[in-house]
Amino acid sequence: MFLCKKITVMWTEFVYNIGDLFTWSFGFFEFVQNHFNNLLILTGFFGFGYWMNVQYKFNKKSNVPIESKENTGWYKQDNQQLK
């Protein structure tokens, strides 16, 4: 009986210590607040704008037809390459 009670107390202390560790670790989020999320959103917008600019330049260089009705056989022509 004594051993069972001791194991139960040890387990309870272990679980509470894990809970205290999580509570302490979430203090980081209180320090950072929402600034990290704002940084990620801004980085995403600038990255999206940069990639759209690069994609626009790639599209200008390509000679692939834009209209689907012109899209028959262009890839089968000999020596068909990007400009």
C-alpha atoms as a PDB file:
ATOM      1  CA  MET A   1       0.000   0.000   0.000  1.00  0.00           C
ATOM      2  CA  PHE A   2       2.820   2.367   0.896  1.00  0.00           C
ATOM      3  CA  LEU A   3       4.622   1.669  -2.410  1.00  0.00           C
ATOM      4  CA  CYS A   4       1.448   2.338  -4.410  1.00  0.00           C
ATOM      5  CA  LYS A   5       0.938   5.670  -2.659  1.00  0.00           C
ATOM      6  CA  LYS A   6       4.584   6.630  -3.229  1.00  0.00           C
ATOM      7  CA  ILE A   7       4.329   5.800  -6.956  1.00  0.00           C
ATOM      8  CA  THR A   8       1.124   7.852  -7.202  1.00  0.00           C
ATOM      9  CA  VAL A   9       2.806  10.855  -5.529  1.00  0.00           C
ATOM     10  CA  MET A  10       5.848  10.534  -7.813  1.00  0.00           C
ATOM     11  CA  TRP A  11       3.608  10.371 -10.886  1.00  0.00           C
ATOM     12  CA  THR A  12       1.591  13.374  -9.734  1.00  0.00           C
ATOM     13  CA  GLU A  13       4.746  15.412  -9.164  1.00  0.00           C
ATOM     14  CA  PHE A  14       6.059  14.372 -12.585  1.00  0.00           C
ATOM     15  CA  VAL A  15       2.857  15.457 -14.358  1.00  0.00           C
ATOM     16  CA  TYR A  16       2.729  18.770 -12.477  1.00  0.00           C
ATOM     17  CA  ASN A  17       6.388  19.449 -13.306  1.00  0.00           C
ATOM     18  CA  ILE A  18       5.668  18.904 -16.999  1.00  0.00           C
ATOM     19  CA  GLY A  19       2.728  21.313 -16.703  1.00  0.00           C
ATOM     20  CA  ASP A  20       4.968  23.893 -15.015  1.00  0.00           C
ATOM     21  CA  LEU A  21       7.525  23.478 -17.801  1.00  0.00           C
ATOM     22  CA  PHE A  22       4.875  24.151 -20.462  1.00  0.00           C
ATOM     23  CA  THR A  23       3.576  27.158 -18.529  1.00  0.00           C
ATOM     24  CA  TRP A  24       7.103  28.558 -18.290  1.00  0.00           C
ATOM     25  CA  SER A  25       7.854  27.917 -21.981  1.00  0.00           C
ATOM     26  CA  PHE A  26       4.715  29.757 -23.120  1.00  0.00           C
ATOM     27  CA  GLY A  27       6.091  32.863 -21.406  1.00  0.00           C
ATOM     28  CA  PHE A  28       8.151  33.299 -24.574  1.00  0.00           C
ATOM     29  CA  PHE A  29       4.973  34.031 -26.507  1.00  0.00           C
ATOM     30  CA  GLU A  30       3.995  36.721 -24.020  1.00  0.00           C
ATOM     31  CA  PHE A  31       7.382  38.355 -24.607  1.00  0.00           C
ATOM     32  CA  VAL A  32       7.222  38.158 -28.409  1.00  0.00           C
ATOM     33  CA  GLN A  33       3.492  38.968 -28.570  1.00  0.00           C
ATOM     34  CA  ASN A  34       2.240  39.226 -32.157  1.00  0.00           C
ATOM     35  CA  HIS A  35       5.391  40.738 -33.680  1.00  0.00           C
ATOM     36  CA  PHE A  36       6.666  37.422 -35.034  1.00  0.00           C
ATOM     37  CA  ASN A  37       3.347  36.750 -36.791  1.00  0.00           C
ATOM     38  CA  ASN A  38       3.410  40.221 -38.325  1.00  0.00           C
ATOM     39  CA  LEU A  39       6.967  39.609 -39.517  1.00  0.00           C
ATOM     40  CA  LEU A  40       5.923  36.352 -41.180  1.00  0.00           C
ATOM     41  CA  ILE A  41       2.946  38.007 -42.884  1.00  0.00           C
ATOM     42  CA  LEU A  42       5.111  40.859 -44.221  1.00  0.00           C
ATOM     43  CA  THR A  43       7.767  38.406 -45.389  1.00  0.00           C
ATOM     44  CA  GLY A  44       5.066  36.415 -47.182  1.00  0.00           C
ATOM     45  CA  PHE A  45       3.714  39.498 -48.947  1.00  0.00           C
ATOM     46  CA  PHE A  46       7.171  40.652 -50.059  1.00  0.00           C
ATOM     47  CA  GLY A  47       8.058  37.115 -51.159  1.00  0.00           C
ATOM     48  CA  PHE A  48       4.806  36.858 -53.122  1.00  0.00           C
ATOM     49  CA  GLY A  49       5.462  40.213 -54.800  1.00  0.00           C
ATOM     50  CA  TYR A  50       9.022  39.202 -55.647  1.00  0.00           C
ATOM     51  CA  TRP A  51       7.913  35.869 -57.112  1.00  0.00           C
ATOM     52  CA  MET A  52       5.174  37.515 -59.200  1.00  0.00           C
ATOM     53  CA  ASN A  53       7.808  39.880 -60.608  1.00  0.00           C
ATOM     54  CA  VAL A  54      10.099  36.951 -61.470  1.00  0.00           C
ATOM     55  CA  GLN A  55       7.179  35.032 -62.975  1.00  0.00           C
ATOM     56  CA  TYR A  56       6.217  38.068 -65.072  1.00  0.00           C
ATOM     57  CA  LYS A  57       9.766  38.193 -66.470  1.00  0.00           C
ATOM     58  CA  PHE A  58       9.684  34.461 -67.230  1.00  0.00           C
ATOM     59  CA  ASN A  59       6.347  34.839 -69.007  1.00  0.00           C
ATOM     60  CA  LYS A  60       7.721  37.675 -71.145  1.00  0.00           C
ATOM     61  CA  LYS A  61      10.651  35.473 -72.237  1.00  0.00           C
ATOM     62  CA  SER A  62       8.536  32.453 -73.138  1.00  0.00           C
ATOM     63  CA  ASN A  63       6.990  31.808 -76.507  1.00  0.00           C
ATOM     64  CA  VAL A  64       4.239  29.530 -75.250  1.00  0.00           C
ATOM     65  CA  PRO A  65       0.824  30.556 -76.577  1.00  0.00           C
ATOM     66  CA  ILE A  66      -1.470  32.124 -74.006  1.00  0.00           C
ATOM     67  CA  GLU A  67      -4.774  31.384 -75.718  1.00  0.00           C
ATOM     68  CA  SER A  68      -5.903  27.773 -75.505  1.00  0.00           C
ATOM     69  CA  LYS A  69      -7.108  27.739 -79.135  1.00  0.00           C
ATOM     70  CA  GLU A  70      -3.493  28.419 -80.211  1.00  0.00           C
ATOM     71  CA  ASN A  71      -2.236  25.621 -77.982  1.00  0.00           C
ATOM     72  CA  THR A  72      -2.234  22.850 -80.589  1.00  0.00           C
ATOM     73  CA  GLY A  73       1.087  21.342 -81.512  1.00  0.00           C
ATOM     74  CA  TRP A  74       3.385  24.210 -80.552  1.00  0.00           C
ATOM     75  CA  TYR A  75       5.442  21.839 -78.399  1.00  0.00           C
ATOM     76  CA  LYS A  76       5.983  19.419 -81.288  1.00  0.00           C
ATOM     77  CA  GLN A  77       7.640  21.901 -83.621  1.00  0.00           C
ATOM     78  CA  ASP A  78      11.347  21.403 -84.342  1.00  0.00           C
ATOM     79  CA  ASN A  79      13.793  23.668 -82.529  1.00  0.00           C
ATOM     80  CA  GLN A  80      11.020  25.196 -80.407  1.00  0.00           C
ATOM     81  CA  GLN A  81      12.775  26.921 -77.504  1.00  0.00           C
ATOM     82  CA  LEU A  82      12.397  29.874 -75.220  1.00  0.00           C
ATOM     83  CA  LYS A  83      13.427  33.194 -76.754  1.00  0.00           C
END
